[in-house]
Protein backbone atom coordinates (compact mmCIF):
# COMPACT_ATOMS: atom_id res chain seq x y z
CA UNK A 1 0.00 0.00 0.00
CA UNK A 2 1.24 3.49 -0.86
CA UNK A 3 2.63 5.83 1.80
CA UNK A 4 -0.36 8.05 2.68
CA UNK A 5 0.95 9.78 5.81
CA UNK A 6 0.78 13.26 4.22
CA UNK A 7 -2.76 13.09 2.87
CA UNK A 8 -5.07 16.06 3.47
CA UNK A 9 -8.79 15.59 4.04
CA UNK A 10 -11.29 16.75 1.43
CA UNK A 11 -13.26 19.35 3.38
CA UNK A 12 -16.00 19.72 0.78
CA UNK A 13 -16.58 15.98 0.58
CA UNK A 14 -16.48 15.53 4.35
CA UNK A 15 -18.98 18.38 4.82
CA UNK A 16 -21.29 16.95 2.15
CA UNK A 17 -21.25 13.50 3.70
CA UNK A 18 -21.87 14.88 7.19
CA UNK A 19 -24.81 16.97 5.96
CA UNK A 20 -26.32 14.04 4.07
CA UNK A 21 -26.00 11.77 7.12
CA UNK A 22 -27.74 14.43 9.20
CA UNK A 23 -30.42 14.78 6.51
CA UNK A 24 -30.95 11.00 6.52
CA UNK A 25 -31.41 10.97 10.30
CA UNK A 26 -33.92 13.81 10.08
CA UNK A 27 -35.71 12.02 7.25
CA UNK A 28 -36.12 8.85 9.30
CA UNK A 29 -37.47 10.87 12.24
CA UNK A 30 -39.96 12.72 10.01
CA UNK A 31 -41.18 9.51 8.40
CA UNK A 32 -41.62 7.79 11.77
CA UNK A 33 -43.66 10.72 13.10
CA UNK A 34 -45.73 10.94 9.91
CA UNK A 35 -46.52 7.20 9.99
CA UNK A 36 -47.57 7.29 13.65
CA UNK A 37 -49.74 10.38 13.22
CA UNK A 38 -51.24 8.99 10.00
CA UNK A 39 -52.18 5.66 11.56
CA UNK A 40 -53.71 7.30 14.63
CA UNK A 41 -55.63 9.85 12.53
CA UNK A 42 -56.92 7.17 10.14
CA UNK A 43 -58.12 4.93 12.97
CA UNK A 44 -59.78 7.87 14.71
CA UNK A 45 -61.49 8.90 11.47
CA UNK A 46 -62.73 5.37 10.90
CA UNK A 47 -64.20 5.27 14.41
CA UNK A 48 -66.00 8.60 13.84
CA UNK A 49 -67.05 8.05 10.20
CA UNK A 50 -65.67 5.20 8.03
CA UNK A 51 -65.76 7.15 4.71
CA UNK A 52 -63.70 9.89 6.32
CA UNK A 53 -60.97 7.38 7.02
CA UNK A 54 -60.29 7.02 3.28
CA UNK A 55 -59.63 10.76 2.95
CA UNK A 56 -57.52 10.79 6.09
CA UNK A 57 -55.47 7.84 4.85
CA UNK A 58 -54.82 9.64 1.56
CA UNK A 59 -53.63 12.74 3.37
CA UNK A 60 -51.43 10.56 5.58
CA UNK A 61 -49.81 8.93 2.54
CA UNK A 62 -49.01 12.34 1.08
CA UNK A 63 -47.54 13.46 4.41
CA UNK A 64 -45.34 10.36 4.54
CA UNK A 65 -44.21 10.93 0.95
CA UNK A 66 -43.12 14.52 1.57
CA UNK A 67 -41.52 13.52 4.86
CA UNK A 68 -39.36 11.01 3.00
CA UNK A 69 -37.81 13.66 0.75
CA UNK A 70 -34.16 14.17 1.60
CA UNK A 71 -32.47 17.50 2.12
CA UNK A 72 -29.74 18.90 -0.09
CA UNK A 73 -26.10 19.70 0.61
CA UNK A 74 -24.80 23.24 1.05
CA UNK A 75 -21.56 22.30 -0.74
CA UNK A 76 -21.35 23.89 -4.22
CA UNK A 77 -21.68 21.24 -6.96
CA UNK A 78 -18.40 22.31 -8.59
CA UNK A 79 -16.45 21.80 -5.36
CA UNK A 80 -18.16 18.48 -4.69
CA UNK A 81 -17.53 17.18 -8.22
CA UNK A 82 -13.82 17.92 -7.98
CA UNK A 83 -13.47 16.33 -4.56
CA UNK A 84 -15.37 13.20 -5.62
CA UNK A 85 -13.10 12.78 -8.63
CA UNK A 86 -9.96 13.13 -6.55
CA UNK A 87 -11.32 10.66 -4.00
CA UNK A 88 -11.84 8.10 -6.79
CA UNK A 89 -8.28 8.57 -8.02
CA UNK A 90 -6.97 8.29 -4.47
CA UNK A 91 -8.55 4.84 -4.17
CA UNK A 92 -6.37 3.76 -7.10
CA UNK A 93 -3.23 5.45 -5.80
CA UNK A 94 -3.57 3.60 -2.50
CA UNK A 95 -2.73 0.40 -4.38
CA UNK A 96 0.78 1.60 -5.24
CA UNK A 97 3.76 0.08 -3.37
CA UNK A 98 4.86 1.60 -0.06
CA UNK A 99 7.86 3.32 -1.64
CA UNK A 100 5.42 5.65 -3.43
CA UNK A 101 4.61 8.72 -1.29
CA UNK A 102 1.30 10.38 -2.16
CA UNK A 103 0.56 14.08 -1.59
CA UNK A 104 -2.78 15.69 -2.41
CA UNK A 105 -4.06 19.27 -2.64
CA UNK A 106 -0.48 20.52 -2.86
CA UNK A 107 -0.15 24.32 -2.76
CA UNK A 108 3.07 25.64 -4.29
CA UNK A 109 4.28 29.19 -4.96
CA UNK A 110 3.66 30.44 -8.49
CA UNK A 111 4.07 34.16 -9.27
CA UNK A 112 2.36 33.72 -12.64
CA UNK A 113 -1.14 33.23 -11.15
CA UNK A 114 -3.41 35.49 -9.12
CA UNK A 115 -2.76 35.03 -5.41
CA UNK A 116 0.73 33.69 -6.05
CA UNK A 117 -0.09 30.04 -5.33
CA UNK A 118 -1.11 27.10 -7.49
CA UNK A 119 -2.86 23.92 -6.33
CA UNK A 120 -1.95 20.51 -7.72
CA UNK A 121 -4.37 17.61 -7.26
CA UNK A 122 -1.72 14.93 -6.59
CA UNK A 123 2.04 14.66 -6.46
CA UNK A 124 3.53 11.18 -6.13
CA UNK A 125 7.20 10.84 -5.19
CA UNK A 126 8.33 7.43 -6.40
CA UNK A 127 11.53 5.62 -7.38
CA UNK A 128 10.52 6.52 -10.94
CA UNK A 129 10.47 10.28 -10.24
CA UNK A 130 8.07 13.00 -9.22
CA UNK A 131 4.68 12.48 -10.83
CA UNK A 132 2.10 15.27 -11.07
CA UNK A 133 -1.50 14.16 -11.54
CA UNK A 134 -4.28 16.46 -12.73
CA UNK A 135 -7.71 14.91 -12.12
CA UNK A 136 -10.74 15.44 -14.34
CA UNK A 137 -14.13 14.13 -13.26
CA UNK A 138 -15.84 14.33 -16.66
CA UNK A 139 -17.86 11.35 -17.98
CA UNK A 140 -18.42 10.49 -21.64
CA UNK A 141 -16.36 9.67 -24.70
CA UNK A 142 -13.49 12.15 -24.92
CA UNK A 143 -11.42 12.77 -28.05
CA UNK A 144 -7.88 13.88 -27.21
CA UNK A 145 -6.84 16.81 -29.41
CA UNK A 146 -3.47 18.14 -28.13
CA UNK A 147 -3.30 21.11 -30.49
CA UNK A 148 -6.87 22.32 -30.11
CA UNK A 149 -8.37 24.62 -27.50
CA UNK A 150 -11.09 22.13 -26.56
CA UNK A 151 -11.48 18.36 -26.62
CA UNK A 152 -14.73 17.01 -28.14
CA UNK A 153 -16.94 15.13 -25.71
CA UNK A 154 -19.73 12.74 -26.67
CA UNK A 155 -22.29 11.73 -24.06
CA UNK A 156 -25.56 9.82 -23.99
CA UNK A 157 -28.63 11.94 -24.54
CA UNK A 158 -31.04 9.54 -22.84
CA UNK A 159 -32.61 6.13 -23.34
CA UNK A 160 -32.61 5.39 -27.06
CA UNK A 161 -31.49 8.93 -27.87
CA UNK A 162 -28.66 9.94 -30.16
CA UNK A 163 -25.36 10.94 -28.53
CA UNK A 164 -25.01 14.58 -27.57
CA UNK A 165 -21.85 16.57 -28.17
CA UNK A 166 -20.07 18.97 -25.91
CA UNK A 167 -16.45 19.89 -25.19
CA UNK A 168 -14.02 20.26 -22.31
CA UNK A 169 -11.14 22.71 -22.13
CA UNK A 170 -7.86 21.20 -23.27
CA UNK A 171 -6.20 20.23 -19.94
CA UNK A 172 -2.71 20.04 -21.45
CA UNK A 173 -2.19 23.80 -21.07
CA UNK A 174 -3.14 23.63 -17.40
CA UNK A 175 -0.88 20.64 -16.81
CA UNK A 176 2.02 22.31 -18.62
CA UNK A 177 1.70 25.36 -16.34
CA UNK A 178 1.53 23.13 -13.25
CA UNK A 179 4.58 21.14 -14.37
CA UNK A 180 6.58 24.29 -15.04
CA UNK A 181 5.64 25.73 -11.63
CA UNK A 182 6.55 22.54 -9.77
CA UNK A 183 9.84 22.14 -11.64
CA UNK A 184 10.73 25.77 -10.89
CA UNK A 185 9.89 25.36 -7.21
CA UNK A 186 12.01 22.21 -6.93
CA UNK A 187 14.92 23.90 -8.67
CA UNK A 188 14.68 26.85 -6.29
CA UNK A 189 15.40 24.33 -3.55
CA UNK A 190 18.30 22.76 -5.49
CA UNK A 191 16.30 19.67 -6.46
CA UNK A 192 16.84 18.49 -10.03
CA UNK A 193 13.97 16.07 -10.20
CA UNK A 194 12.12 16.33 -13.55
CA UNK A 195 8.36 16.32 -13.02
CA UNK A 196 6.36 13.76 -15.02
CA UNK A 197 2.77 14.96 -15.58
CA UNK A 198 -0.30 12.75 -15.92
CA UNK A 199 -3.90 13.62 -16.80
CA UNK A 200 -6.32 11.22 -15.11
CA UNK A 201 -10.04 10.93 -15.80
CA UNK A 202 -11.68 9.66 -12.63
CA UNK A 203 -15.13 8.52 -13.76
CA UNK A 204 -15.71 4.86 -14.61
CA UNK A 205 -18.10 5.87 -17.40
CA UNK A 206 -15.39 7.52 -19.51
CA UNK A 207 -13.81 6.56 -22.82
CA UNK A 208 -10.63 8.05 -24.28
CA UNK A 209 -9.94 8.23 -28.00
CA UNK A 210 -6.72 9.23 -29.78
CA UNK A 211 -4.81 9.65 -26.51
CA UNK A 212 -1.65 8.36 -28.18
CA UNK A 213 -1.47 11.81 -29.82
CA UNK A 214 -0.64 13.37 -26.44
CA UNK A 215 2.91 13.45 -25.12
CA UNK A 216 1.45 13.64 -21.61
CA UNK A 217 -0.14 10.33 -20.54
CA UNK A 218 -3.94 10.55 -20.53
CA UNK A 219 -5.25 7.75 -18.33
CA UNK A 220 -8.26 6.47 -16.46
CA UNK A 221 -8.07 5.90 -12.70
CA UNK A 222 -7.91 2.14 -13.23
CA UNK A 223 -4.80 2.52 -15.38
CA UNK A 224 -2.70 4.50 -12.89
CA UNK A 225 -1.13 1.59 -11.03
CA UNK A 226 -0.08 -0.11 -14.27
CA UNK A 227 1.42 3.14 -15.54
CA UNK A 228 3.62 3.48 -12.44
CA UNK A 229 4.64 -0.18 -12.66
CA UNK A 230 5.90 0.27 -16.23
CA UNK A 231 7.92 3.42 -15.49
CA UNK A 232 11.71 3.05 -15.31
CA UNK A 233 13.29 3.95 -11.94
CA UNK A 234 15.71 6.88 -11.75
CA UNK A 235 19.31 6.39 -10.68
CA UNK A 236 20.06 7.76 -7.19
CA UNK A 237 17.05 10.09 -6.90
CA UNK A 238 17.08 12.47 -3.94
CA UNK A 239 13.66 11.34 -2.78
CA UNK A 240 14.03 12.33 0.86
CA UNK A 241 14.61 16.01 0.04
CA UNK A 242 11.64 16.09 -2.34
CA UNK A 243 9.42 14.42 0.25
CA UNK A 244 10.53 16.87 2.96
CA UNK A 245 9.84 19.86 0.70
CA UNK A 246 6.39 18.63 -0.32
CA UNK A 247 5.53 17.72 3.27
CA UNK A 248 6.14 21.34 4.20
CA UNK A 249 3.87 22.46 1.34
CA UNK A 250 0.95 20.49 2.80
CA UNK A 251 1.65 21.60 6.36
CA UNK A 252 3.44 18.47 7.58
CA UNK A 253 7.00 19.67 8.05
CA UNK A 254 9.57 16.95 8.70
CA UNK A 255 12.72 17.39 10.77
CA UNK A 256 15.92 17.70 8.81
CA UNK A 257 18.39 14.85 9.15
CA UNK A 258 21.25 15.46 11.57
């Protein structure tokens, strides 16, 4: 199992799950109350006037139905979608060997962006190098077009319907900027450790066409472990310094060796 000691929690996902658990508890309580009140009211109506019991039972059924509706989450859908995708990829990364150290939600300095910091979904420090992973949580059939601004996306339009077409922004530009920023940051700390970028689509219902056209590997979450297994190890990599630097970036500073 991969080394996961530096993992950060996904606040948006944790908040969503907590709110949905609370909503489920409230739902069960509402349904129990509605059932009890409905049964008592129906029996009382039948005792007073049997035809009235039919109307009362109908009202009780409606009350139970509306009581069973679940509440919604306060987490913005965009934040939740991203966190869910990263959580799916993390499940795959956990299967890597223990000499692979996984960092997530890595914030590094980057003067080229507003705010001066750039977030990277995953950085894996392995015997094969430093691997940067950009996660996309888009479903559908995606056509990789390295030189175009957008990648075509085909998705199902419904039962028996013809496929619909959309597009996603070409992630290669984003990954190139992330790779450059991470390489620059490592070099500023005297670490010559070339960063190897990966684009990973997290959803199981995704297909990738023409990905051999991309110099950057474009993978599904299920293909990550095999990709790492095929990579050639570097000779004498300074892994400990890279791990210490990244640990500080995620707020888990390690002591320097004596």
